[in-house]
Amino acid sequence: MLQFHKENHALATLAVQARETSRPLLFDNHLQLRGRGVALNQDPELVSNNPAGAPRQGTASAPEVPLQSLAFSGIHMISPRLLPMLTEEGIFSIIPAYLRLAAQGQPILAFRADTYYWRDLGRPSDLTQAAHDFQRNALL
């Protein structure tokens, strides 16, 4: 992931997987962040610029380029260049900031982590499940 981040000169690199999620992020075929999915029967929230920085031609219901819906693992790498670009204050979710910066043409990229074992260990049941997965050798 670090190598990918450096080679692509990303402002931020987000580890993502093709799995079910209630809050998918949308990426183009160059793995650039383009928006986020929303609830059923609603159009996705798309950023306004294409990769070259020109205004998008597509609409939320019919984007110009096909988008991949991917689940964010919560793991991300950032460039030091990101910090002065954050205008948010106090405690905030980073996703709206990433969407804002992507709309400005900044490289907010996806790193496909589908082949890696990722698990939130924030609850005792999560830790128990990870230990069970480890014992079954099901980490990959």
Protein backbone atom coordinates (compact mmCIF):
# COMPACT_ATOMS: atom_id res chain seq x y z
CA MET A 1 0.00 0.00 0.00
CA LEU A 2 2.85 2.37 0.83
CA GLN A 3 4.52 1.65 -2.51
CA PHE A 4 1.22 2.27 -4.36
CA HIS A 5 0.72 5.52 -2.43
CA LYS A 6 4.20 6.80 -3.29
CA GLU A 7 4.22 5.66 -6.93
CA ASN A 8 0.90 7.40 -7.60
CA HIS A 9 1.77 10.62 -5.71
CA ALA A 10 -1.57 10.32 -3.93
CA LEU A 11 -2.77 12.91 -1.47
CA ALA A 12 -4.54 10.05 0.32
CA THR A 13 -4.74 6.31 -0.37
CA LEU A 14 -7.70 4.41 1.04
CA ALA A 15 -7.65 0.63 1.55
CA VAL A 16 -10.88 -0.69 0.03
CA GLN A 17 -12.53 -4.04 -0.64
CA ALA A 18 -15.33 -5.34 -2.82
CA ARG A 19 -17.72 -6.35 -0.02
CA GLU A 20 -21.09 -5.39 1.37
CA THR A 21 -21.20 -2.05 3.16
CA SER A 22 -23.85 0.48 4.09
CA ARG A 23 -21.55 3.36 3.10
CA PRO A 24 -19.77 2.53 -0.18
CA LEU A 25 -17.32 4.86 -1.83
CA LEU A 26 -17.35 5.23 -5.62
CA PHE A 27 -14.14 5.07 -7.66
CA ASP A 28 -13.45 5.35 -11.39
CA ASN A 29 -11.36 2.92 -13.43
CA HIS A 30 -8.20 4.83 -12.40
CA LEU A 31 -9.12 4.21 -8.72
CA GLN A 32 -9.78 7.94 -8.18
CA LEU A 33 -12.48 8.78 -5.63
CA ARG A 34 -15.58 10.02 -7.48
CA GLY A 35 -18.30 9.98 -4.82
CA ARG A 36 -20.13 7.89 -2.30
CA GLY A 37 -23.15 5.66 -2.42
CA VAL A 38 -26.27 6.42 -0.43
CA ALA A 39 -29.46 4.71 0.65
CA LEU A 40 -31.62 2.74 -1.76
CA ASN A 41 -33.74 4.76 -4.20
CA GLN A 42 -31.41 7.76 -3.99
CA ASP A 43 -28.81 8.95 -6.46
CA PRO A 44 -25.18 8.65 -5.35
CA GLU A 45 -23.28 11.75 -4.26
CA LEU A 46 -20.71 12.39 -6.99
CA VAL A 47 -17.83 14.82 -7.00
CA SER A 48 -18.03 17.47 -9.69
CA ASN A 49 -14.72 17.11 -11.53
CA ASN A 50 -13.39 14.48 -13.90
CA PRO A 51 -9.74 13.31 -13.75
CA ALA A 52 -8.55 16.32 -15.77
CA GLY A 53 -10.35 18.74 -13.46
CA ALA A 54 -13.02 19.78 -15.97
CA PRO A 55 -16.66 19.70 -14.86
CA ARG A 56 -18.35 16.29 -15.01
CA GLN A 57 -20.65 15.64 -17.92
CA GLY A 58 -22.59 12.84 -16.21
CA THR A 59 -25.38 13.11 -13.70
CA ALA A 60 -25.67 11.27 -10.43
CA SER A 61 -28.09 8.80 -11.98
CA ALA A 62 -26.05 8.41 -15.20
CA PRO A 63 -22.37 9.13 -14.60
CA GLU A 64 -20.12 9.60 -17.62
CA VAL A 65 -17.74 6.80 -16.58
CA PRO A 66 -18.57 3.51 -14.86
CA LEU A 67 -17.92 3.64 -11.13
CA GLN A 68 -16.90 0.87 -8.75
CA SER A 69 -18.69 0.70 -5.41
CA LEU A 70 -16.13 -0.31 -2.76
CA ALA A 71 -16.05 -0.60 1.02
CA PHE A 72 -13.51 1.57 2.88
CA SER A 73 -11.63 -0.44 5.52
CA GLY A 74 -10.84 2.61 7.64
CA ILE A 75 -7.14 2.27 6.83
CA HIS A 76 -5.62 5.12 4.86
CA MET A 77 -2.26 6.65 4.13
CA ILE A 78 -1.92 10.38 3.74
CA SER A 79 0.66 12.69 2.28
CA PRO A 80 1.86 15.55 4.48
CA ARG A 81 0.45 17.79 1.71
CA LEU A 82 -3.05 16.88 2.93
CA LEU A 83 -2.88 18.54 6.34
CA PRO A 84 -2.83 22.21 5.23
CA MET A 85 -5.70 21.44 2.83
CA LEU A 86 -8.05 20.41 5.63
CA THR A 87 -10.41 23.26 6.44
CA GLU A 88 -12.60 21.27 8.81
CA GLU A 89 -12.35 22.04 12.51
CA GLY A 90 -12.86 20.05 15.68
CA ILE A 91 -13.85 16.40 15.42
CA PHE A 92 -14.97 15.51 11.89
CA SER A 93 -15.36 12.61 9.50
CA ILE A 94 -12.56 12.55 6.94
CA ILE A 95 -14.77 11.27 4.09
CA PRO A 96 -16.44 14.64 3.32
CA ALA A 97 -12.97 16.22 3.24
CA TYR A 98 -11.77 13.53 0.83
CA LEU A 99 -14.84 14.11 -1.36
CA ARG A 100 -14.22 17.87 -1.35
CA LEU A 101 -10.57 17.43 -2.28
CA ALA A 102 -11.38 14.86 -4.98
CA ALA A 103 -13.84 17.39 -6.46
CA GLN A 104 -10.92 19.83 -6.67
CA GLY A 105 -8.94 17.27 -8.69
CA GLN A 106 -6.73 16.05 -5.85
CA PRO A 107 -5.58 12.40 -6.08
CA ILE A 108 -7.63 10.53 -3.48
CA LEU A 109 -7.02 6.94 -4.56
CA ALA A 110 -8.25 3.44 -3.75
CA PHE A 111 -5.86 0.64 -2.87
CA ARG A 112 -7.55 -2.70 -3.56
CA ALA A 113 -7.07 -4.74 -0.38
CA ASP A 114 -9.37 -7.60 -1.38
CA THR A 115 -6.69 -10.26 -0.87
CA TYR A 116 -5.80 -9.10 2.64
CA TYR A 117 -7.51 -10.02 5.91
CA TRP A 118 -8.90 -6.91 7.61
CA ARG A 119 -11.08 -6.99 10.67
CA ASP A 120 -12.25 -4.36 13.13
CA LEU A 121 -11.18 -5.50 16.61
CA GLY A 122 -13.13 -2.87 18.52
CA ARG A 123 -15.48 -5.29 20.28
CA PRO A 124 -14.73 -8.50 22.22
CA SER A 125 -16.83 -10.48 19.70
CA ASP A 126 -14.65 -9.13 16.86
CA LEU A 127 -11.49 -10.24 18.64
CA THR A 128 -13.03 -13.67 19.29
CA GLN A 129 -13.93 -14.01 15.60
CA ALA A 130 -10.41 -12.99 14.52
CA ALA A 131 -8.90 -15.59 16.88
CA HIS A 132 -11.27 -18.21 15.44
CA ASP A 133 -10.30 -17.21 11.89
CA PHE A 134 -6.62 -17.48 12.84
CA GLN A 135 -7.11 -20.98 14.30
CA ARG A 136 -8.91 -22.11 11.14
CA ASN A 137 -6.12 -20.56 9.05
CA ALA A 138 -8.77 -18.43 7.33
CA LEU A 139 -6.87 -15.17 7.34
CA LEU A 140 -6.51 -15.03 3.57
